[in-house]
Protein backbone atom coordinates (compact mmCIF):
# COMPACT_ATOMS: atom_id res chain seq x y z
CA UNK A 1 -64.70 15.90 9.92
CA UNK A 2 -67.83 16.24 7.79
CA UNK A 3 -69.94 16.60 10.90
CA UNK A 4 -67.60 19.29 12.20
CA UNK A 5 -67.83 21.21 8.92
CA UNK A 6 -71.62 21.04 8.92
CA UNK A 7 -71.79 22.22 12.54
CA UNK A 8 -69.52 25.16 11.75
CA UNK A 9 -71.58 26.13 8.71
CA UNK A 10 -74.83 25.95 10.68
CA UNK A 11 -73.22 27.95 13.47
CA UNK A 12 -72.30 30.65 10.94
CA UNK A 13 -75.98 31.42 10.27
CA UNK A 14 -76.58 33.28 13.59
CA UNK A 15 -73.27 35.09 13.11
CA UNK A 16 -74.28 36.31 9.67
CA UNK A 17 -77.72 37.28 10.98
CA UNK A 18 -76.13 39.37 13.73
CA UNK A 19 -73.72 41.05 11.26
CA UNK A 20 -76.53 41.85 8.81
CA UNK A 21 -78.76 43.25 11.55
CA UNK A 22 -76.11 45.51 13.07
CA UNK A 23 -74.89 46.73 9.67
CA UNK A 24 -78.41 47.39 8.39
CA UNK A 25 -79.43 49.65 11.26
CA UNK A 26 -76.04 51.39 11.55
CA UNK A 27 -76.04 52.49 7.93
CA UNK A 28 -79.68 53.59 8.11
CA UNK A 29 -79.16 55.83 11.15
CA UNK A 30 -76.19 57.55 9.48
CA UNK A 31 -77.00 61.08 8.29
CA UNK A 32 -77.96 61.53 4.65
CA UNK A 33 -79.65 59.26 2.17
CA UNK A 34 -79.02 57.71 -1.24
CA UNK A 35 -80.95 60.45 -3.06
CA UNK A 36 -79.68 63.48 -1.15
CA UNK A 37 -78.00 65.61 -3.83
CA UNK A 38 -76.55 69.11 -3.95
CA UNK A 39 -79.53 70.08 -6.06
CA UNK A 40 -82.54 68.47 -4.35
CA UNK A 41 -84.87 66.43 -6.50
CA UNK A 42 -88.45 67.47 -7.03
CA UNK A 43 -90.80 66.29 -4.34
CA UNK A 44 -92.73 64.04 -6.72
CA UNK A 45 -89.53 62.43 -8.05
CA UNK A 46 -88.27 61.84 -4.51
CA UNK A 47 -91.61 60.35 -3.53
CA UNK A 48 -91.50 57.91 -6.48
CA UNK A 49 -87.91 56.87 -5.75
CA UNK A 50 -88.68 56.21 -2.10
CA UNK A 51 -91.71 54.16 -3.09
CA UNK A 52 -89.79 52.11 -5.68
CA UNK A 53 -86.99 51.28 -3.23
CA UNK A 54 -89.36 50.83 -0.22
CA UNK A 55 -87.71 53.72 1.62
CA UNK A 56 -91.11 55.17 2.46
CA UNK A 57 -91.98 52.14 4.57
CA UNK A 58 -91.21 51.68 8.30
CA UNK A 59 -87.61 50.73 9.04
CA UNK A 60 -88.55 47.35 10.49
CA UNK A 61 -90.44 46.48 7.31
CA UNK A 62 -87.46 47.49 5.17
CA UNK A 63 -85.34 45.20 7.34
CA UNK A 64 -87.69 42.25 6.81
CA UNK A 65 -87.74 42.87 3.05
CA UNK A 66 -83.94 42.86 2.97
CA UNK A 67 -83.73 39.65 4.99
CA UNK A 68 -86.07 37.93 2.55
CA UNK A 69 -83.93 39.11 -0.36
CA UNK A 70 -80.56 37.92 0.94
CA UNK A 71 -82.12 34.62 2.00
CA UNK A 72 -82.36 33.85 -1.73
CA UNK A 73 -78.98 35.51 -2.47
CA UNK A 74 -80.57 38.60 -3.98
CA UNK A 75 -78.75 41.72 -2.76
CA UNK A 76 -81.21 44.03 -4.45
CA UNK A 77 -80.75 46.97 -6.84
CA UNK A 78 -78.05 49.56 -6.52
CA UNK A 79 -79.24 53.02 -5.50
CA UNK A 80 -76.28 54.74 -7.20
CA UNK A 81 -75.54 52.49 -10.20
CA UNK A 82 -79.19 52.38 -11.16
CA UNK A 83 -78.73 50.31 -14.29
CA UNK A 84 -77.23 47.43 -12.33
CA UNK A 85 -78.17 45.17 -9.47
CA UNK A 86 -75.71 44.41 -6.67
CA UNK A 87 -75.42 40.83 -7.94
CA UNK A 88 -74.34 42.12 -11.36
CA UNK A 89 -71.77 44.46 -9.83
CA UNK A 90 -70.35 41.65 -7.70
CA UNK A 91 -70.29 39.26 -10.67
CA UNK A 92 -68.04 41.73 -12.49
CA UNK A 93 -65.91 43.01 -9.59
CA UNK A 94 -65.43 40.06 -7.25
CA UNK A 95 -63.41 37.93 -9.73
CA UNK A 96 -61.02 40.86 -10.22
CA UNK A 97 -60.53 41.30 -6.48
CA UNK A 98 -60.07 37.56 -6.03
CA UNK A 99 -57.48 37.44 -8.81
CA UNK A 100 -55.48 40.21 -7.16
CA UNK A 101 -55.93 38.72 -3.70
CA UNK A 102 -54.91 35.18 -4.67
CA UNK A 103 -51.81 36.46 -6.46
CA UNK A 104 -50.83 38.65 -3.51
CA UNK A 105 -51.45 35.82 -1.04
CA UNK A 106 -49.37 33.35 -3.03
CA UNK A 107 -46.54 35.87 -3.37
CA UNK A 108 -46.65 36.63 0.36
CA UNK A 109 -46.55 32.95 1.32
CA UNK A 110 -43.68 32.07 -0.98
CA UNK A 111 -41.46 35.12 -0.44
CA UNK A 112 -42.33 35.67 3.23
CA UNK A 113 -41.99 31.98 4.06
CA UNK A 114 -38.59 31.67 2.41
CA UNK A 115 -37.30 34.84 4.07
CA UNK A 116 -38.55 33.70 7.46
CA UNK A 117 -36.91 30.28 7.17
CA UNK A 118 -33.62 31.78 5.99
CA UNK A 119 -33.64 34.30 8.84
CA UNK A 120 -34.33 31.53 11.38
CA UNK A 121 -31.48 29.39 10.05
CA UNK A 122 -29.12 32.38 10.27
CA UNK A 123 -30.39 33.68 13.61
CA UNK A 124 -28.50 36.67 15.05
CA UNK A 125 -26.44 37.05 11.89
CA UNK A 126 -26.41 39.87 9.35
CA UNK A 127 -28.92 38.16 7.08
CA UNK A 128 -31.33 37.70 9.97
CA UNK A 129 -31.07 41.35 10.97
CA UNK A 130 -31.55 42.48 7.36
CA UNK A 131 -34.68 40.38 6.89
CA UNK A 132 -36.21 41.56 10.15
CA UNK A 133 -35.39 45.20 9.40
CA UNK A 134 -37.03 44.91 5.99
CA UNK A 135 -40.02 43.13 7.54
CA UNK A 136 -40.44 45.88 10.14
CA UNK A 137 -40.28 48.48 7.39
CA UNK A 138 -42.86 46.58 5.36
CA UNK A 139 -45.29 46.40 8.28
CA UNK A 140 -45.01 50.07 9.24
CA UNK A 141 -45.32 51.66 5.77
CA UNK A 142 -49.00 51.73 4.71
CA UNK A 143 -50.33 50.86 1.28
CA UNK A 144 -51.32 54.43 0.47
CA UNK A 145 -47.62 55.36 0.70
CA UNK A 146 -46.21 52.30 -1.09
CA UNK A 147 -48.62 52.52 -4.04
CA UNK A 148 -47.77 56.10 -5.17
CA UNK A 149 -44.04 55.43 -4.74
CA UNK A 150 -44.24 52.35 -6.97
CA UNK A 151 -46.34 54.25 -9.49
CA UNK A 152 -43.82 57.10 -9.54
CA UNK A 153 -40.72 54.92 -9.84
CA UNK A 154 -41.80 51.96 -11.99
CA UNK A 155 -44.59 53.66 -13.90
CA UNK A 156 -43.70 57.31 -14.42
CA UNK A 157 -39.90 57.43 -14.06
CA UNK A 158 -38.87 54.16 -15.74
CA UNK A 159 -42.07 53.54 -17.69
CA UNK A 160 -41.94 49.79 -17.12
CA UNK A 161 -45.49 49.25 -15.85
CA UNK A 162 -48.88 50.98 -16.14
CA UNK A 163 -49.73 53.18 -13.18
CA UNK A 164 -53.44 52.40 -13.18
CA UNK A 165 -56.45 51.01 -14.99
CA UNK A 166 -57.55 47.49 -15.67
CA UNK A 167 -57.74 45.47 -18.89
CA UNK A 168 -59.34 42.03 -18.81
CA UNK A 169 -56.73 39.33 -19.38
CA UNK A 170 -53.78 41.69 -18.93
CA UNK A 171 -51.33 40.48 -16.30
CA UNK A 172 -49.19 43.60 -16.64
CA UNK A 173 -51.93 45.76 -15.09
CA UNK A 174 -51.96 43.51 -12.02
CA UNK A 175 -48.24 43.63 -11.19
CA UNK A 176 -48.13 46.88 -9.21
CA UNK A 177 -51.40 46.29 -7.31
CA UNK A 178 -50.35 42.73 -6.43
CA UNK A 179 -46.94 43.85 -5.21
CA UNK A 180 -48.50 46.65 -3.18
CA UNK A 181 -50.97 44.24 -1.59
CA UNK A 182 -48.33 41.59 -0.94
CA UNK A 183 -45.57 43.70 0.63
CA UNK A 184 -47.10 44.09 4.13
CA UNK A 185 -48.23 40.44 4.07
CA UNK A 186 -44.72 39.33 3.11
CA UNK A 187 -43.38 41.21 6.12
CA UNK A 188 -45.89 39.65 8.53
CA UNK A 189 -45.42 36.12 7.15
CA UNK A 190 -41.63 36.47 7.35
CA UNK A 191 -41.76 37.55 11.01
CA UNK A 192 -44.22 34.81 11.98
CA UNK A 193 -42.26 32.13 10.12
CA UNK A 194 -38.96 33.19 11.64
CA UNK A 195 -40.26 33.14 15.21
CA UNK A 196 -42.09 29.83 14.91
CA UNK A 197 -39.22 28.25 12.95
CA UNK A 198 -36.71 29.13 15.66
CA UNK A 199 -38.98 27.53 18.25
CA UNK A 200 -39.51 24.45 16.05
CA UNK A 201 -35.76 23.97 15.49
CA UNK A 202 -35.29 23.83 19.27
CA UNK A 203 -38.06 21.30 19.86
CA UNK A 204 -37.42 17.76 21.04
CA UNK A 205 -38.63 15.97 17.91
CA UNK A 206 -36.33 18.03 15.67
CA UNK A 207 -33.36 17.29 17.91
CA UNK A 208 -34.29 13.61 17.75
CA UNK A 209 -34.47 13.76 13.95
CA UNK A 210 -30.99 15.26 13.85
CA UNK A 211 -29.69 12.63 16.23
CA UNK A 212 -30.92 9.92 13.85
CA UNK A 213 -28.72 11.46 11.16
CA UNK A 214 -31.48 12.71 8.86
CA UNK A 215 -30.49 15.15 6.15
CA UNK A 216 -30.75 18.88 6.76
CA UNK A 217 -33.50 19.11 4.13
CA UNK A 218 -35.62 16.44 5.86
CA UNK A 219 -35.14 17.99 9.29
CA UNK A 220 -36.00 21.51 8.15
CA UNK A 221 -38.73 20.95 5.57
CA UNK A 222 -40.43 17.78 6.79
CA UNK A 223 -40.17 18.10 10.58
CA UNK A 224 -39.50 21.73 11.56
CA UNK A 225 -41.38 23.64 8.87
CA UNK A 226 -44.60 21.68 9.33
CA UNK A 227 -44.97 22.83 12.92
CA UNK A 228 -43.66 26.31 12.14
CA UNK A 229 -46.47 26.92 9.65
CA UNK A 230 -49.21 26.77 12.30
CA UNK A 231 -48.99 30.46 13.36
CA UNK A 232 -48.83 31.47 9.70
CA UNK A 233 -51.95 29.45 8.91
CA UNK A 234 -53.78 31.13 11.82
CA UNK A 235 -52.90 34.54 10.43
CA UNK A 236 -53.90 33.65 6.88
CA UNK A 237 -57.58 33.21 7.76
CA UNK A 238 -58.58 36.87 8.12
CA UNK A 239 -55.72 38.02 5.86
CA UNK A 240 -56.92 35.86 2.96
CA UNK A 241 -60.50 37.09 3.39
CA UNK A 242 -59.34 40.71 3.33
CA UNK A 243 -57.14 40.21 0.27
CA UNK A 244 -59.65 38.19 -1.74
CA UNK A 245 -62.47 40.66 -1.18
CA UNK A 246 -60.37 43.57 -2.36
CA UNK A 247 -58.29 46.28 -0.81
CA UNK A 248 -60.12 49.58 -0.57
CA UNK A 249 -56.94 51.66 -0.79
CA UNK A 250 -55.16 49.73 -3.53
CA UNK A 251 -58.15 49.38 -5.83
CA UNK A 252 -58.97 53.06 -5.44
CA UNK A 253 -55.42 54.27 -6.11
CA UNK A 254 -54.89 52.04 -9.15
CA UNK A 255 -58.40 52.56 -10.53
CA UNK A 256 -59.29 48.86 -10.43
CA UNK A 257 -63.02 48.04 -10.64
CA UNK A 258 -62.95 45.58 -7.76
CA UNK A 259 -65.31 45.09 -4.86
CA UNK A 260 -63.21 47.30 -2.58
CA UNK A 261 -63.55 50.28 -4.88
CA UNK A 262 -67.29 49.76 -5.18
CA UNK A 263 -67.51 49.64 -1.38
CA UNK A 264 -65.92 53.11 -1.16
CA UNK A 265 -68.28 54.51 -3.78
CA UNK A 266 -71.24 52.91 -2.06
CA UNK A 267 -70.29 54.39 1.31
CA UNK A 268 -69.76 57.87 -0.13
CA UNK A 269 -73.05 57.81 -2.02
CA UNK A 270 -75.11 56.16 0.75
CA UNK A 271 -75.80 53.19 -1.52
CA UNK A 272 -77.35 51.05 1.21
CA UNK A 273 -77.63 47.83 -0.76
CA UNK A 274 -74.09 48.04 -2.13
CA UNK A 275 -72.56 48.59 1.31
CA UNK A 276 -74.69 45.86 2.86
CA UNK A 277 -73.86 43.42 0.09
CA UNK A 278 -70.14 44.05 0.53
CA UNK A 279 -70.40 43.54 4.29
CA UNK A 280 -72.20 40.22 3.80
CA UNK A 281 -69.67 38.98 1.22
CA UNK A 282 -66.69 39.91 3.41
CA UNK A 283 -68.31 38.24 6.44
CA UNK A 284 -68.88 35.05 4.43
CA UNK A 285 -65.26 35.00 3.32
CA UNK A 286 -64.02 35.52 6.89
CA UNK A 287 -66.17 32.65 8.17
CA UNK A 288 -65.16 30.39 5.28
CA UNK A 289 -61.43 30.98 5.60
CA UNK A 290 -61.49 30.57 9.37
CA UNK A 291 -63.06 27.17 8.75
CA UNK A 292 -60.37 26.34 6.18
CA UNK A 293 -57.70 27.35 8.71
CA UNK A 294 -59.14 24.97 11.31
CA UNK A 295 -59.12 22.13 8.78
CA UNK A 296 -55.53 22.89 7.77
CA UNK A 297 -54.56 22.68 11.43
CA UNK A 298 -55.64 19.05 11.45
CA UNK A 299 -53.46 18.34 8.42
CA UNK A 300 -50.39 20.08 9.84
CA UNK A 301 -50.74 18.98 13.47
CA UNK A 302 -51.71 15.32 14.02
CA UNK A 303 -52.70 16.12 17.61
CA UNK A 304 -55.72 18.08 16.39
CA UNK A 305 -58.85 15.99 16.07
CA UNK A 306 -62.45 16.86 15.19
CA UNK A 307 -64.56 14.56 17.38
């Protein structure tokens, strides 16, 4: 397994190189620049800024300079937040996004998994139809609709929870963002778990376990659920990466200083290094969690081997 992990990590290097290259040139050919303001800067000031940030050099040379920087994990200075480097912004924002993402992911797995199993055990009954209807509703309603509704009801109308902002160490501020992030994931996990659980309950090894007189708990949890989790695990790879690196919509609506919110500000202000740094971080998380998913497959399915 160690050899497989090392091969995957080495294979991720060309992937990251390709992502960085495409992203670098796409953002540079976009109209506008980081210092294009409504009131143009003086020519001498603009000349000094371009020289400081190497924007006066050929594009290929800027590309080589950036490659050398990220090779040592230095994402460079921010063009918009000029008192901070990208590393400093990520050091402050990434833990917040990861806290929200981990909480939303755990909530989605627990609630969605339980709902999916219950719906599968009561297939074609009222409870099954109710769970699937709620899951369909959860998938179709976007976050930018759910978030204001929760803010209006639980924050403004009842006054139970804050509608925005972030205080370090305060779990109350995280409740509404976590619920907003988790709701669509709960719906997807519930649908995936239900479908795979129904198939697992009809499999030969589960029927054999029942024929041996094993308890319902052993049949469902030990034998059926283990195989039913495989589609859910496949889905959790990219979903976990997206949640842990911050939701652009949720962090913007709730005013949370996470990496997703900084990505929006960087894109709007043509902050090249901030956008590029976010792209690299998200790509690393996607690669990492896809690797974790493959390893979990081997734990859940004994037929999977890494030779």
